[in-house]
C-alpha cells in the first residue's frame, strides 16, 4: 500500500530551485511544497521537524554542513508524514541551535553531515540534558570510518558513560510502521547508479577511502533501554526526502522503498517512547 499511495502522490511535493536566504542561512520559503491546515487550538499535539543548526563545520570535510538538503528535505518529509500516517504534523519545520531553550518543546531533533562537527561545551551540556530528559536525536548523512569516528568522539563527550551499538534488524524501529527486510542504504542522487544488468549502486565514496558498502544504524540508549540517539551512517535518508520530482527512478528506488519508510519508522519510535 505504501508504494502505491506514495507513487500516486509522488509529484505533489516537487522541489523547486532558487530562493532567498536570510543572513543566518534560514528561510521560510515553502519552495512549492503544499501547505495544510492545522488545529490552532492544539499546537502541542503537532509533530514538528526540528533541524539543528551548528557553526563548527569550518569548511572542513565535504558538503554543506547543517544546511545540506535544507529546506526541501524537511518540508517533503513533513508532508509525507502527514499524508501517510495518523500523526498530526506541523507544515512548518524549524531550525534551532542546541543551546536554544525552545529545544525542550520538541521531542525530535535532526543533525545532518556531522562528519566534521565539533560541539561546543555548551552544546554538549544541552544535548545531554535534552536526551536524558526524553528527547530523541537522529543523526544522518555521513560516510566512512573517519567521519564516524569524529561523530563517535563528539557523542562520547555528551555521554561519557555510554557507547553506540549496532541496532539489530530485529529491533522494532525497523518494523513499527513499515516492515523493513534490510537496513536501508540511500545515496545522494548524484551517487545513485544502475548497472547494465539492473544491479543498483547505493553507496557513496568516503573521503578517507574506507568501505561504505554497508549502511549502519547505531544507537545510544538511556537506563530504560530507550533509544536517545539514532545514528544513520553510510546512508543519506535526507537526500531521499529532498529529491522529489528530480528523477523518477531515484524516487521509486530510494525515496519510496527506503528513505520515507525508515524516516517514518524513526519518528514513530521517537514519538511513542
Protein backbone atom coordinates (compact mmCIF):
# COMPACT_ATOMS: atom_id res chain seq x y z
CA UNK A 1 0.00 0.00 0.00
CA UNK A 2 2.82 2.40 0.83
CA UNK A 3 4.34 2.02 -2.64
CA UNK A 4 1.02 2.61 -4.35
CA UNK A 5 -0.03 5.62 -2.28
CA UNK A 6 3.34 7.35 -2.40
CA UNK A 7 3.67 6.66 -6.10
CA UNK A 8 0.31 8.30 -6.76
CA UNK A 9 1.26 11.46 -4.88
CA UNK A 10 4.89 11.49 -5.97
CA UNK A 11 4.57 14.73 -7.93
CA UNK A 12 2.80 16.59 -5.14
CA UNK A 13 5.91 17.98 -3.48
CA UNK A 14 8.20 18.69 -6.37
CA UNK A 15 11.19 20.62 -5.09
CA UNK A 16 11.79 23.89 -6.90
CA UNK A 17 15.19 25.55 -7.06
CA UNK A 18 16.09 29.12 -6.26
CA UNK A 19 15.14 31.00 -3.11
CA UNK A 20 16.02 33.91 -0.87
CA UNK A 21 18.19 33.21 2.16
CA UNK A 22 18.44 35.23 5.34
CA UNK A 23 21.88 36.07 6.61
CA UNK A 24 21.74 33.14 9.06
CA UNK A 25 21.04 30.65 6.28
CA UNK A 26 17.42 30.11 7.34
CA UNK A 27 14.46 30.54 5.01
CA UNK A 28 10.70 30.24 5.43
CA UNK A 29 10.03 29.71 1.72
CA UNK A 30 7.95 26.55 1.08
CA UNK A 31 9.57 26.20 -2.33
CA UNK A 32 6.45 24.76 -3.97
CA UNK A 33 5.66 22.14 -1.30
CA UNK A 34 1.92 22.09 -0.48
CA UNK A 35 0.73 23.55 2.82
CA UNK A 36 -2.08 22.20 5.01
CA UNK A 37 -4.24 23.46 7.85
CA UNK A 38 -3.66 22.53 11.48
CA UNK A 39 -5.88 22.88 14.54
CA UNK A 40 -4.63 26.06 16.19
CA UNK A 41 -6.36 25.07 19.46
CA UNK A 42 -3.96 22.16 19.95
CA UNK A 43 -0.48 23.38 18.93
CA UNK A 44 1.18 20.99 21.36
CA UNK A 45 -0.31 17.97 19.59
CA UNK A 46 1.70 18.57 16.40
CA UNK A 47 4.93 16.86 15.43
CA UNK A 48 7.44 19.46 14.28
CA UNK A 49 10.56 18.53 12.34
CA UNK A 50 13.48 20.31 14.05
CA UNK A 51 16.81 20.63 12.25
CA UNK A 52 19.83 21.55 14.37
CA UNK A 53 21.97 24.45 13.20
CA UNK A 54 25.65 24.32 14.11
CA UNK A 55 28.58 26.55 13.19
CA UNK A 56 31.55 24.26 13.82
CA UNK A 57 31.95 22.85 10.31
CA UNK A 58 34.53 25.46 9.45
CA UNK A 59 34.89 24.41 5.84
CA UNK A 60 36.34 21.02 6.74
CA UNK A 61 35.14 17.81 5.14
CA UNK A 62 32.62 17.84 2.31
CA UNK A 63 29.15 19.15 1.75
CA UNK A 64 27.26 21.98 3.32
CA UNK A 65 27.15 21.13 6.99
CA UNK A 66 23.87 21.68 8.83
CA UNK A 67 22.16 23.21 5.77
CA UNK A 68 22.60 20.16 3.50
CA UNK A 69 19.28 19.21 1.82
CA UNK A 70 17.60 22.18 3.54
CA UNK A 71 14.72 23.06 3.25
CA UNK A 72 13.14 20.69 0.73
CA UNK A 73 14.08 17.60 2.74
CA UNK A 74 12.34 18.81 5.90
CA UNK A 75 9.27 20.04 4.04
CA UNK A 76 8.81 16.91 1.93
CA UNK A 77 9.28 14.59 4.88
CA UNK A 78 6.78 16.55 6.97
CA UNK A 79 4.28 16.37 4.10
CA UNK A 80 4.66 12.60 3.70
CA UNK A 81 4.43 12.04 7.45
CA UNK A 82 1.16 13.98 7.46
CA UNK A 83 -0.21 12.09 4.45
CA UNK A 84 0.90 8.56 5.22
CA UNK A 85 0.37 8.29 8.98
CA UNK A 86 -2.26 9.31 11.52
CA UNK A 87 0.22 11.73 13.08
CA UNK A 88 -0.68 15.42 13.12
CA UNK A 89 2.29 17.24 11.62
CA UNK A 90 3.34 20.88 11.61
CA UNK A 91 3.68 22.00 7.97
CA UNK A 92 6.48 24.37 9.06
CA UNK A 93 9.71 22.59 10.04
CA UNK A 94 12.04 24.76 12.08
CA UNK A 95 15.75 25.28 12.72
CA UNK A 96 17.15 25.60 16.24
CA UNK A 97 20.54 25.61 17.92
CA UNK A 98 21.19 23.08 20.66
CA UNK A 99 21.55 25.89 23.18
CA UNK A 100 18.11 27.32 22.40
CA UNK A 101 15.78 26.79 25.39
CA UNK A 102 12.92 26.10 22.97
CA UNK A 103 14.63 22.80 22.16
CA UNK A 104 12.85 21.19 25.10
CA UNK A 105 9.48 21.91 23.50
CA UNK A 106 10.24 19.37 20.75
CA UNK A 107 10.80 15.62 21.26
CA UNK A 108 12.69 15.04 17.97
CA UNK A 109 15.75 16.77 16.53
CA UNK A 110 17.85 16.08 13.42
CA UNK A 111 21.55 16.61 12.75
CA UNK A 112 22.92 16.14 9.23
CA UNK A 113 26.50 15.78 7.95
CA UNK A 114 28.27 15.51 11.31
CA UNK A 115 31.50 14.20 9.77
CA UNK A 116 33.45 17.27 10.90
CA UNK A 117 31.10 18.60 13.55
CA UNK A 118 32.61 19.67 16.89
CA UNK A 119 30.25 20.50 19.74
CA UNK A 120 30.95 23.45 21.99
CA UNK A 121 30.93 22.74 25.73
CA UNK A 122 27.53 24.45 25.97
CA UNK A 123 26.16 22.25 23.17
CA UNK A 124 27.49 19.13 24.89
CA UNK A 125 25.68 20.03 28.11
CA UNK A 126 22.47 20.99 26.31
CA UNK A 127 22.32 17.81 24.23
CA UNK A 128 22.97 15.61 27.27
CA UNK A 129 20.20 17.31 29.20
CA UNK A 130 17.82 17.13 26.23
CA UNK A 131 18.31 13.41 25.60
CA UNK A 132 18.27 12.34 29.25
CA UNK A 133 15.02 14.25 29.69
CA UNK A 134 13.26 12.27 26.97
CA UNK A 135 14.46 13.88 23.73
CA UNK A 136 15.44 11.95 20.60
CA UNK A 137 18.31 12.84 18.25
CA UNK A 138 18.56 11.45 14.71
CA UNK A 139 21.97 11.77 13.02
CA UNK A 140 22.13 11.33 9.23
CA UNK A 141 24.34 11.54 6.11
CA UNK A 142 27.97 10.85 6.86
CA UNK A 143 30.19 8.30 5.20
CA UNK A 144 33.29 6.29 6.04
CA UNK A 145 35.34 5.44 9.10
CA UNK A 146 36.88 8.86 9.73
CA UNK A 147 33.59 10.72 9.74
CA UNK A 148 32.03 8.11 12.01
CA UNK A 149 34.97 8.31 14.40
CA UNK A 150 34.51 12.07 14.61
CA UNK A 151 30.82 11.68 15.50
CA UNK A 152 31.54 8.88 17.98
CA UNK A 153 34.16 11.05 19.71
CA UNK A 154 31.77 14.01 19.98
CA UNK A 155 28.96 11.83 21.33
CA UNK A 156 31.38 10.40 23.89
CA UNK A 157 31.76 13.94 25.20
CA UNK A 158 27.97 14.09 25.55
CA UNK A 159 27.64 10.62 27.11
CA UNK A 160 30.98 9.62 28.70
CA UNK A 161 29.43 6.51 30.23
CA UNK A 162 27.58 5.26 27.13
CA UNK A 163 28.68 3.87 23.77
CA UNK A 164 26.83 3.43 20.47
CA UNK A 165 25.95 -0.11 19.43
CA UNK A 166 24.73 -1.59 16.17
CA UNK A 167 20.94 -1.87 16.26
CA UNK A 168 19.84 -5.34 15.07
CA UNK A 169 17.40 -5.61 12.20
CA UNK A 170 15.00 -7.34 14.60
CA UNK A 171 14.57 -4.11 16.62
CA UNK A 172 11.10 -2.56 16.48
CA UNK A 173 12.42 0.63 14.91
CA UNK A 174 12.75 -1.26 11.63
CA UNK A 175 9.22 -2.72 11.83
CA UNK A 176 6.87 -0.47 13.81
CA UNK A 177 5.07 1.04 10.78
CA UNK A 178 6.84 -0.38 7.72
CA UNK A 179 8.29 -3.87 7.97
CA UNK A 180 11.77 -3.40 6.54
CA UNK A 181 13.60 -6.51 5.36
CA UNK A 182 17.02 -4.87 5.35
CA UNK A 183 18.78 -1.86 6.78
CA UNK A 184 18.19 0.69 4.02
CA UNK A 185 21.04 2.46 2.33
CA UNK A 186 20.27 5.67 0.43
CA UNK A 187 22.94 7.51 -1.58
CA UNK A 188 22.83 11.12 -2.69
CA UNK A 189 21.08 11.41 -6.02
CA UNK A 190 24.31 12.06 -7.92
CA UNK A 191 25.88 8.88 -6.48
CA UNK A 192 22.97 6.52 -7.21
CA UNK A 193 23.59 4.26 -10.17
CA UNK A 194 22.18 1.31 -12.12
CA UNK A 195 24.25 -1.39 -13.77
CA UNK A 196 23.66 -2.93 -17.18
CA UNK A 197 22.00 -5.96 -15.57
CA UNK A 198 19.77 -3.93 -13.26
CA UNK A 199 22.01 -4.01 -10.21
CA UNK A 200 21.80 -0.90 -8.02
CA UNK A 201 24.72 1.05 -6.54
CA UNK A 202 23.55 2.52 -3.25
CA UNK A 203 26.69 3.84 -1.58
CA UNK A 204 28.82 6.95 -1.74
CA UNK A 205 32.61 7.05 -1.69
CA UNK A 206 34.10 8.08 1.64
CA UNK A 207 36.58 10.96 1.79
CA UNK A 208 39.07 8.64 3.54
CA UNK A 209 38.59 5.80 1.04
CA UNK A 210 37.14 3.39 3.61
CA UNK A 211 34.44 0.85 2.78
CA UNK A 212 30.94 2.35 2.67
CA UNK A 213 29.07 -0.51 1.00
CA UNK A 214 27.06 -1.32 4.13
CA UNK A 215 24.70 1.01 5.99
CA UNK A 216 24.99 1.05 9.77
CA UNK A 217 22.30 2.06 12.21
CA UNK A 218 23.66 2.56 15.70
CA UNK A 219 22.06 3.80 18.89
CA UNK A 220 22.77 5.20 22.33
CA UNK A 221 20.13 4.28 24.91
CA UNK A 222 19.12 5.55 28.33
CA UNK A 223 18.85 3.50 31.53
CA UNK A 224 15.47 2.16 30.39
CA UNK A 225 16.88 1.00 27.02
CA UNK A 226 15.03 3.77 25.19
CA UNK A 227 16.93 4.95 22.12
CA UNK A 228 18.04 8.54 22.73
CA UNK A 229 20.39 8.88 19.74
CA UNK A 230 19.85 7.05 16.44
CA UNK A 231 22.85 7.21 14.13
CA UNK A 232 22.30 6.61 10.41
CA UNK A 233 25.81 6.03 9.00
CA UNK A 234 26.80 5.28 5.40
CA UNK A 235 23.40 6.42 4.22
CA UNK A 236 21.69 9.70 3.32
CA UNK A 237 17.99 9.49 4.16
CA UNK A 238 17.72 13.26 3.83
CA UNK A 239 18.53 13.21 0.12
CA UNK A 240 15.84 10.58 -0.36
CA UNK A 241 13.37 13.03 1.19
CA UNK A 242 14.67 16.05 -0.66
CA UNK A 243 14.81 14.91 -4.26
CA UNK A 244 11.14 14.53 -5.16
CA UNK A 245 10.41 15.31 -8.79
CA UNK A 246 14.04 15.30 -9.92
CA UNK A 247 14.44 11.69 -11.04
CA UNK A 248 11.64 9.12 -11.17
CA UNK A 249 13.94 6.11 -10.84
CA UNK A 250 15.71 7.57 -7.79
CA UNK A 251 12.37 8.47 -6.23
CA UNK A 252 10.93 4.98 -6.71
CA UNK A 253 14.10 3.09 -5.79
CA UNK A 254 15.30 5.12 -2.82
CA UNK A 255 12.62 7.55 -1.60
CA UNK A 256 9.61 5.23 -1.76
CA UNK A 257 11.31 1.97 -0.79
CA UNK A 258 13.85 3.21 1.74
CA UNK A 259 14.10 6.84 2.84
CA UNK A 260 10.46 7.54 3.68
CA UNK A 261 9.72 4.17 5.35
CA UNK A 262 12.85 4.37 7.51
CA UNK A 263 12.22 8.01 8.39
CA UNK A 264 8.60 7.36 9.33
CA UNK A 265 9.64 4.39 11.47
CA UNK A 266 12.25 6.52 13.25
CA UNK A 267 9.83 9.35 14.04
CA UNK A 268 7.13 6.91 15.12
CA UNK A 269 9.57 5.31 17.57
CA UNK A 270 10.68 8.71 18.85
CA UNK A 271 7.10 9.85 19.44
CA UNK A 272 5.98 6.67 21.21
CA UNK A 273 8.90 6.05 23.57
